[in-house]
Amino acid sequence: MNHVHAMAALNRKVLEVYSQRTTETLKTVLPLRMALPRLESFLAMNVAKEVQKDAMVIRHVGENVAGGMQPGEGAAGQLFDATKEIDRAFLSRAGNLPVGIVIRYDEIAPLRTQRIDKLLTAAYRILDAGRVIRGTRSAICSVYSRVEFERLQQDLLRLYALETQALSRSLRLPALLVPLREKLAKSLYEIMTDTATRLARELAGCVYRPDRPVRC
């Protein structure tokens, strides 16, 4: 497996675990538990589209590195535009589930662009190092300290949580829960932020312990 595939696979695993742990925590919070059938299907579909978007960003960087180039200055904006096609497929699938979603790009665009930009930078540093270093974990450790890598993961997951919060405000909910929409969105963000902090620490522990396989 080359560095591009390995990095995309690790990212997919992190986002899937993040979504699973968020869902498990939602089950323990009474108001959110009432909305769980809608939230759970929404989170599962949402993580699938984010995995696609991140893989697209990582592949883009991989193509640049293979050509001896850095991602261009407008790469984040171009990739943001490309993510809208993934959004359209997401919205099409959402029509068959108990959720209704409107993507408000005026609110989401700054968050998503910032996340893409951070991932572009990180992927370039890691994949560029990977040209001369064997093993993706070794490449990560060569360009980030453990503290820096943990902070990077926390920032990426926090931006993902902010975009998920924005999307959750437009979910179709039972009439009983509509007055609680903003509270539900806030609670979801708080749960995701707490989960992100713990997961980022755990992932850094996996990556920076050579005797421990990455299973996070």
C-alpha atoms as a PDB file:
ATOM      1  CA  MET A   1       0.000   0.000   0.000  1.00  0.00           C
ATOM      2  CA  ASN A   2       1.516   3.375  -0.975  1.00  0.00           C
ATOM      3  CA  HIS A   3       1.488   6.458   1.240  1.00  0.00           C
ATOM      4  CA  VAL A   4      -1.562   7.999  -0.483  1.00  0.00           C
ATOM      5  CA  HIS A   5      -3.682   4.891   0.060  1.00  0.00           C
ATOM      6  CA  ALA A   6      -2.350   4.399   3.594  1.00  0.00           C
ATOM      7  CA  MET A   7      -3.073   7.994   4.580  1.00  0.00           C
ATOM      8  CA  ALA A   8      -6.586   7.855   3.093  1.00  0.00           C
ATOM      9  CA  ALA A   9      -7.247   4.538   4.874  1.00  0.00           C
ATOM     10  CA  LEU A  10      -6.085   5.921   8.219  1.00  0.00           C
ATOM     11  CA  ASN A  11      -8.229   9.027   7.743  1.00  0.00           C
ATOM     12  CA  ARG A  12     -11.261   6.866   6.893  1.00  0.00           C
ATOM     13  CA  LYS A  13     -10.759   4.766  10.023  1.00  0.00           C
ATOM     14  CA  VAL A  14     -10.443   7.856  12.233  1.00  0.00           C
ATOM     15  CA  LEU A  15     -13.633   9.438  10.854  1.00  0.00           C
ATOM     16  CA  GLU A  16     -15.591   6.189  11.131  1.00  0.00           C
ATOM     17  CA  VAL A  17     -14.521   5.675  14.753  1.00  0.00           C
ATOM     18  CA  TYR A  18     -15.324   9.334  15.439  1.00  0.00           C
ATOM     19  CA  SER A  19     -18.844   8.906  14.079  1.00  0.00           C
ATOM     20  CA  GLN A  20     -19.399   5.607  15.919  1.00  0.00           C
ATOM     21  CA  ARG A  21     -18.293   7.040  19.255  1.00  0.00           C
ATOM     22  CA  THR A  22     -20.432  10.129  18.748  1.00  0.00           C
ATOM     23  CA  THR A  23     -23.467   7.938  18.080  1.00  0.00           C
ATOM     24  CA  GLU A  24     -22.793   5.825  21.189  1.00  0.00           C
ATOM     25  CA  THR A  25     -22.661   8.961  23.335  1.00  0.00           C
ATOM     26  CA  LEU A  26     -25.863  10.310  21.780  1.00  0.00           C
ATOM     27  CA  LYS A  27     -27.660   7.233  23.119  1.00  0.00           C
ATOM     28  CA  THR A  28     -26.943   8.346  26.688  1.00  0.00           C
ATOM     29  CA  VAL A  29     -28.453  11.846  26.349  1.00  0.00           C
ATOM     30  CA  LEU A  30     -32.246  11.834  26.724  1.00  0.00           C
ATOM     31  CA  PRO A  31     -33.306  14.713  24.388  1.00  0.00           C
ATOM     32  CA  LEU A  32     -30.857  13.492  21.743  1.00  0.00           C
ATOM     33  CA  ARG A  33     -31.984   9.894  22.215  1.00  0.00           C
ATOM     34  CA  MET A  34     -35.466  10.953  21.090  1.00  0.00           C
ATOM     35  CA  ALA A  35     -34.006  12.269  17.840  1.00  0.00           C
ATOM     36  CA  LEU A  36     -31.511   9.403  17.486  1.00  0.00           C
ATOM     37  CA  PRO A  37     -33.183   7.554  14.564  1.00  0.00           C
ATOM     38  CA  ARG A  38     -32.741  10.695  12.437  1.00  0.00           C
ATOM     39  CA  LEU A  39     -29.389  11.721  13.889  1.00  0.00           C
ATOM     40  CA  GLU A  40     -27.910   8.239  13.544  1.00  0.00           C
ATOM     41  CA  SER A  41     -28.757   7.883   9.847  1.00  0.00           C
ATOM     42  CA  PHE A  42     -27.592  11.462   9.246  1.00  0.00           C
ATOM     43  CA  LEU A  43     -24.220  10.877  10.970  1.00  0.00           C
ATOM     44  CA  ALA A  44     -23.613   7.609   9.097  1.00  0.00           C
ATOM     45  CA  MET A  45     -24.283   9.253   5.731  1.00  0.00           C
ATOM     46  CA  ASN A  46     -22.357  12.366   6.690  1.00  0.00           C
ATOM     47  CA  VAL A  47     -19.184  10.488   7.606  1.00  0.00           C
ATOM     48  CA  ALA A  48     -19.309   8.563   4.315  1.00  0.00           C
ATOM     49  CA  LYS A  49     -19.321  11.782   2.296  1.00  0.00           C
ATOM     50  CA  GLU A  50     -16.524  13.316   4.399  1.00  0.00           C
ATOM     51  CA  VAL A  51     -14.365  10.232   3.838  1.00  0.00           C
ATOM     52  CA  GLN A  52     -14.877  10.715   0.083  1.00  0.00           C
ATOM     53  CA  LYS A  53     -13.950  14.387   0.271  1.00  0.00           C
ATOM     54  CA  ASP A  54     -10.821  13.800   2.322  1.00  0.00           C
ATOM     55  CA  ALA A  55      -9.698  10.980   0.005  1.00  0.00           C
ATOM     56  CA  MET A  56     -10.106  13.360  -2.930  1.00  0.00           C
ATOM     57  CA  VAL A  57      -7.905  15.953  -1.193  1.00  0.00           C
ATOM     58  CA  ILE A  58      -5.244  13.366  -0.341  1.00  0.00           C
ATOM     59  CA  ARG A  59      -5.206  12.003  -3.913  1.00  0.00           C
ATOM     60  CA  HIS A  60      -4.862  15.549  -5.253  1.00  0.00           C
ATOM     61  CA  VAL A  61      -1.812  16.105  -3.055  1.00  0.00           C
ATOM     62  CA  GLY A  62      -0.401  12.723  -4.045  1.00  0.00           C
ATOM     63  CA  GLU A  63      -0.621  13.662  -7.727  1.00  0.00           C
ATOM     64  CA  ASN A  64       1.160  16.944  -7.005  1.00  0.00           C
ATOM     65  CA  VAL A  65       3.940  15.260  -5.022  1.00  0.00           C
ATOM     66  CA  ALA A  66       4.394  12.652  -7.764  1.00  0.00           C
ATOM     67  CA  GLY A  67       4.852  15.541 -10.215  1.00  0.00           C
ATOM     68  CA  GLY A  68       7.333  17.301  -7.944  1.00  0.00           C
ATOM     69  CA  MET A  69       4.937  20.147  -7.133  1.00  0.00           C
ATOM     70  CA  GLN A  70       3.145  21.631  -4.152  1.00  0.00           C
ATOM     71  CA  PRO A  71      -0.644  22.142  -4.298  1.00  0.00           C
ATOM     72  CA  GLY A  72      -1.393  25.465  -5.998  1.00  0.00           C
ATOM     73  CA  GLU A  73      -2.549  28.578  -4.206  1.00  0.00           C
ATOM     74  CA  GLY A  74      -6.158  28.114  -5.306  1.00  0.00           C
ATOM     75  CA  ALA A  75      -6.259  24.369  -4.607  1.00  0.00           C
ATOM     76  CA  ALA A  76      -8.470  24.635  -1.517  1.00  0.00           C
ATOM     77  CA  GLY A  77     -11.092  26.664  -3.383  1.00  0.00           C
ATOM     78  CA  GLN A  78     -11.058  24.316  -6.375  1.00  0.00           C
ATOM     79  CA  LEU A  79     -11.397  21.260  -4.139  1.00  0.00           C
ATOM     80  CA  PHE A  80     -14.224  22.942  -2.232  1.00  0.00           C
ATOM     81  CA  ASP A  81     -16.100  23.358  -5.518  1.00  0.00           C
ATOM     82  CA  ALA A  82     -15.448  19.681  -6.315  1.00  0.00           C
ATOM     83  CA  THR A  83     -16.936  18.616  -2.953  1.00  0.00           C
ATOM     84  CA  LYS A  84     -20.313  20.000  -4.024  1.00  0.00           C
ATOM     85  CA  GLU A  85     -20.748  17.054  -6.388  1.00  0.00           C
ATOM     86  CA  ILE A  86     -20.333  14.712  -3.391  1.00  0.00           C
ATOM     87  CA  ASP A  87     -22.879  16.854  -1.539  1.00  0.00           C
ATOM     88  CA  ARG A  88     -25.371  16.423  -4.368  1.00  0.00           C
ATOM     89  CA  ALA A  89     -25.069  12.646  -4.165  1.00  0.00           C
ATOM     90  CA  PHE A  90     -25.435  12.885  -0.364  1.00  0.00           C
ATOM     91  CA  LEU A  91     -28.625  14.920  -0.667  1.00  0.00           C
ATOM     92  CA  SER A  92     -30.012  12.452  -3.187  1.00  0.00           C
ATOM     93  CA  ARG A  93     -29.447   9.547  -0.786  1.00  0.00           C
ATOM     94  CA  ALA A  94     -30.860  11.555   2.126  1.00  0.00           C
ATOM     95  CA  GLY A  95     -34.195  11.724   0.308  1.00  0.00           C
ATOM     96  CA  ASN A  96     -34.717   8.034   1.064  1.00  0.00           C
ATOM     97  CA  LEU A  97     -34.095   8.374   4.812  1.00  0.00           C
ATOM     98  CA  PRO A  98     -35.987  10.075   7.681  1.00  0.00           C
ATOM     99  CA  VAL A  99     -33.922  13.237   7.294  1.00  0.00           C
ATOM    100  CA  GLY A 100     -34.327  16.383   5.260  1.00  0.00           C
ATOM    101  CA  ILE A 101     -31.241  18.544   4.800  1.00  0.00           C
ATOM    102  CA  VAL A 102     -30.500  21.910   3.242  1.00  0.00           C
ATOM    103  CA  ILE A 103     -26.797  22.711   2.806  1.00  0.00           C
ATOM    104  CA  ARG A 104     -26.259  26.380   3.645  1.00  0.00           C
ATOM    105  CA  TYR A 105     -23.000  27.084   1.829  1.00  0.00           C
ATOM    106  CA  ASP A 106     -22.772  30.626   3.187  1.00  0.00           C
ATOM    107  CA  GLU A 107     -22.256  29.120   6.652  1.00  0.00           C
ATOM    108  CA  ILE A 108     -20.414  25.954   5.644  1.00  0.00           C
ATOM    109  CA  ALA A 109     -17.978  27.295   3.021  1.00  0.00           C
ATOM    110  CA  PRO A 110     -15.502  28.961   5.449  1.00  0.00           C
ATOM    111  CA  LEU A 111     -15.433  25.874   7.695  1.00  0.00           C
ATOM    112  CA  ARG A 112     -14.993  23.385   4.879  1.00  0.00           C
ATOM    113  CA  THR A 113     -12.392  25.477   3.052  1.00  0.00           C
ATOM    114  CA  GLN A 114     -10.377  25.835   6.253  1.00  0.00           C
ATOM    115  CA  ARG A 115     -10.506  22.074   6.819  1.00  0.00           C
ATOM    116  CA  ILE A 116      -9.485  21.344   3.229  1.00  0.00           C
ATOM    117  CA  ASP A 117      -6.584  23.798   3.536  1.00  0.00           C
ATOM    118  CA  LYS A 118      -5.355  22.155   6.759  1.00  0.00           C
ATOM    119  CA  LEU A 119      -5.616  18.695   5.214  1.00  0.00           C
ATOM    120  CA  LEU A 120      -3.803  19.869   2.062  1.00  0.00           C
ATOM    121  CA  THR A 121      -0.896  21.182   4.137  1.00  0.00           C
ATOM    122  CA  ALA A 122      -0.694  18.079   6.324  1.00  0.00           C
ATOM    123  CA  ALA A 123      -0.982  15.665   3.394  1.00  0.00           C
ATOM    124  CA  TYR A 124       1.741  17.504   1.485  1.00  0.00           C
ATOM    125  CA  ARG A 125       4.147  17.422   4.435  1.00  0.00           C
ATOM    126  CA  ILE A 126       3.545  13.716   5.059  1.00  0.00           C
ATOM    127  CA  LEU A 127       3.496  12.571   1.429  1.00  0.00           C
ATOM    128  CA  ASP A 128       6.541  14.672   0.536  1.00  0.00           C
ATOM    129  CA  ALA A 129       8.440  13.091   3.434  1.00  0.00           C
ATOM    130  CA  GLY A 130       7.176   9.723   2.251  1.00  0.00           C
ATOM    131  CA  ARG A 131       9.180  10.036  -0.974  1.00  0.00           C
ATOM    132  CA  VAL A 132      12.315   9.154   1.007  1.00  0.00           C
ATOM    133  CA  ILE A 133      10.895   7.542   4.163  1.00  0.00           C
ATOM    134  CA  ARG A 134       9.402   4.066   4.229  1.00  0.00           C
ATOM    135  CA  GLY A 135       6.194   3.686   6.219  1.00  0.00           C
ATOM    136  CA  THR A 136       3.445   6.275   6.583  1.00  0.00           C
ATOM    137  CA  ARG A 137       3.714   6.338  10.368  1.00  0.00           C
ATOM    138  CA  SER A 138       7.452   7.050  10.092  1.00  0.00           C
ATOM    139  CA  ALA A 139       6.718   9.825   7.588  1.00  0.00           C
ATOM    140  CA  ILE A 140       4.211  11.389  10.006  1.00  0.00           C
ATOM    141  CA  CYS A 141       6.692  11.237  12.883  1.00  0.00           C
ATOM    142  CA  SER A 142       9.392  12.865  10.746  1.00  0.00           C
ATOM    143  CA  VAL A 143       7.375  16.045  10.115  1.00  0.00           C
ATOM    144  CA  TYR A 144       5.201  16.367  13.249  1.00  0.00           C
ATOM    145  CA  SER A 145       5.975  16.088  16.922  1.00  0.00           C
ATOM    146  CA  ARG A 146       3.445  14.083  18.911  1.00  0.00           C
ATOM    147  CA  VAL A 147       1.916  17.292  20.324  1.00  0.00           C
ATOM    148  CA  GLU A 148       1.688  18.889  16.870  1.00  0.00           C
ATOM    149  CA  PHE A 149       0.074  15.800  15.350  1.00  0.00           C
ATOM    150  CA  GLU A 150      -2.467  15.553  18.168  1.00  0.00           C
ATOM    151  CA  ARG A 151      -3.347  19.234  17.731  1.00  0.00           C
ATOM    152  CA  LEU A 152      -3.686  18.781  13.961  1.00  0.00           C
ATOM    153  CA  GLN A 153      -6.106  15.880  14.396  1.00  0.00           C
ATOM    154  CA  GLN A 154      -8.098  17.779  16.985  1.00  0.00           C
ATOM    155  CA  ASP A 155      -8.364  20.814  14.686  1.00  0.00           C
ATOM    156  CA  LEU A 156      -9.499  18.693  11.717  1.00  0.00           C
ATOM    157  CA  LEU A 157     -12.124  16.909  13.802  1.00  0.00           C
ATOM    158  CA  ARG A 158     -13.295  20.180  15.393  1.00  0.00           C
ATOM    159  CA  LEU A 159     -13.888  21.717  11.950  1.00  0.00           C
ATOM    160  CA  TYR A 160     -15.740  18.560  10.926  1.00  0.00           C
ATOM    161  CA  ALA A 161     -17.884  18.919  14.071  1.00  0.00           C
ATOM    162  CA  LEU A 162     -18.654  22.555  13.266  1.00  0.00           C
ATOM    163  CA  GLU A 163     -19.817  21.664   9.755  1.00  0.00           C
ATOM    164  CA  THR A 164     -21.876  18.756  11.125  1.00  0.00           C
ATOM    165  CA  GLN A 165     -23.477  21.120  13.637  1.00  0.00           C
ATOM    166  CA  ALA A 166     -24.391  23.518  10.827  1.00  0.00           C
ATOM    167  CA  LEU A 167     -25.938  20.679   8.799  1.00  0.00           C
ATOM    168  CA  SER A 168     -27.820  19.325  11.827  1.00  0.00           C
ATOM    169  CA  ARG A 169     -29.740  22.608  12.154  1.00  0.00           C
ATOM    170  CA  SER A 170     -31.597  21.774   8.941  1.00  0.00           C
ATOM    171  CA  LEU A 171     -32.586  18.193   9.814  1.00  0.00           C
ATOM    172  CA  ARG A 172     -36.269  17.333   9.578  1.00  0.00           C
ATOM    173  CA  LEU A 173     -37.354  16.492  13.151  1.00  0.00           C
ATOM    174  CA  PRO A 174     -40.605  15.394  14.807  1.00  0.00           C
ATOM    175  CA  ALA A 175     -42.815  18.377  15.723  1.00  0.00           C
ATOM    176  CA  LEU A 176     -42.107  17.722  19.409  1.00  0.00           C
ATOM    177  CA  LEU A 177     -38.372  18.264  18.898  1.00  0.00           C
ATOM    178  CA  VAL A 178     -38.446  21.256  16.536  1.00  0.00           C
ATOM    179  CA  PRO A 179     -38.328  23.814  19.420  1.00  0.00           C
ATOM    180  CA  LEU A 180     -35.208  21.998  20.669  1.00  0.00           C
ATOM    181  CA  ARG A 181     -33.415  22.157  17.308  1.00  0.00           C
ATOM    182  CA  GLU A 182     -30.754  24.673  18.369  1.00  0.00           C
ATOM    183  CA  LYS A 183     -30.185  22.911  21.680  1.00  0.00           C
ATOM    184  CA  LEU A 184     -29.808  19.604  19.840  1.00  0.00           C
ATOM    185  CA  ALA A 185     -27.270  21.144  17.450  1.00  0.00           C
ATOM    186  CA  LYS A 186     -25.312  22.627  20.367  1.00  0.00           C
ATOM    187  CA  SER A 187     -25.353  19.344  22.291  1.00  0.00           C
ATOM    188  CA  LEU A 188     -24.232  17.433  19.208  1.00  0.00           C
ATOM    189  CA  TYR A 189     -21.302  19.819  18.758  1.00  0.00           C
ATOM    190  CA  GLU A 190     -20.298  19.532  22.428  1.00  0.00           C
ATOM    191  CA  ILE A 191     -20.353  15.735  22.235  1.00  0.00           C
ATOM    192  CA  MET A 192     -18.347  15.737  19.005  1.00  0.00           C
ATOM    193  CA  THR A 193     -15.797  18.182  20.425  1.00  0.00           C
ATOM    194  CA  ASP A 194     -15.269  16.091  23.545  1.00  0.00           C
ATOM    195  CA  THR A 195     -14.990  12.938  21.436  1.00  0.00           C
ATOM    196  CA  ALA A 196     -12.502  14.673  19.108  1.00  0.00           C
ATOM    197  CA  THR A 197     -10.207  15.614  21.998  1.00  0.00           C
ATOM    198  CA  ARG A 198     -10.065  12.052  23.290  1.00  0.00           C
ATOM    199  CA  LEU A 199      -9.726  10.468  19.861  1.00  0.00           C
ATOM    200  CA  ALA A 200      -6.920  12.822  18.781  1.00  0.00           C
ATOM    201  CA  ARG A 201      -4.978  11.928  21.944  1.00  0.00           C
ATOM    202  CA  GLU A 202      -5.577   8.226  21.344  1.00  0.00           C
ATOM    203  CA  LEU A 203      -4.506   8.427  17.710  1.00  0.00           C
ATOM    204  CA  ALA A 204      -1.294  10.252  18.617  1.00  0.00           C
ATOM    205  CA  GLY A 205      -0.610   7.510  21.148  1.00  0.00           C
ATOM    206  CA  CYS A 206      -1.006   4.883  18.415  1.00  0.00           C
ATOM    207  CA  VAL A 207       1.179   6.662  15.868  1.00  0.00           C
ATOM    208  CA  TYR A 208       4.011   7.580  18.240  1.00  0.00           C
ATOM    209  CA  ARG A 209       4.343   4.161  19.871  1.00  0.00           C
ATOM    210  CA  PRO A 210       6.238   1.922  17.431  1.00  0.00           C
ATOM    211  CA  ASP A 211       5.294  -1.212  19.373  1.00  0.00           C
ATOM    212  CA  ARG A 212       1.581  -0.449  19.024  1.00  0.00           C
ATOM    213  CA  PRO A 213      -0.314  -1.086  15.758  1.00  0.00           C
ATOM    214  CA  VAL A 214      -2.556   1.692  14.496  1.00  0.00           C
ATOM    215  CA  ARG A 215      -6.099   0.454  15.162  1.00  0.00           C
ATOM    216  CA  CYS A 216      -7.731   3.730  16.216  1.00  0.00           C
END
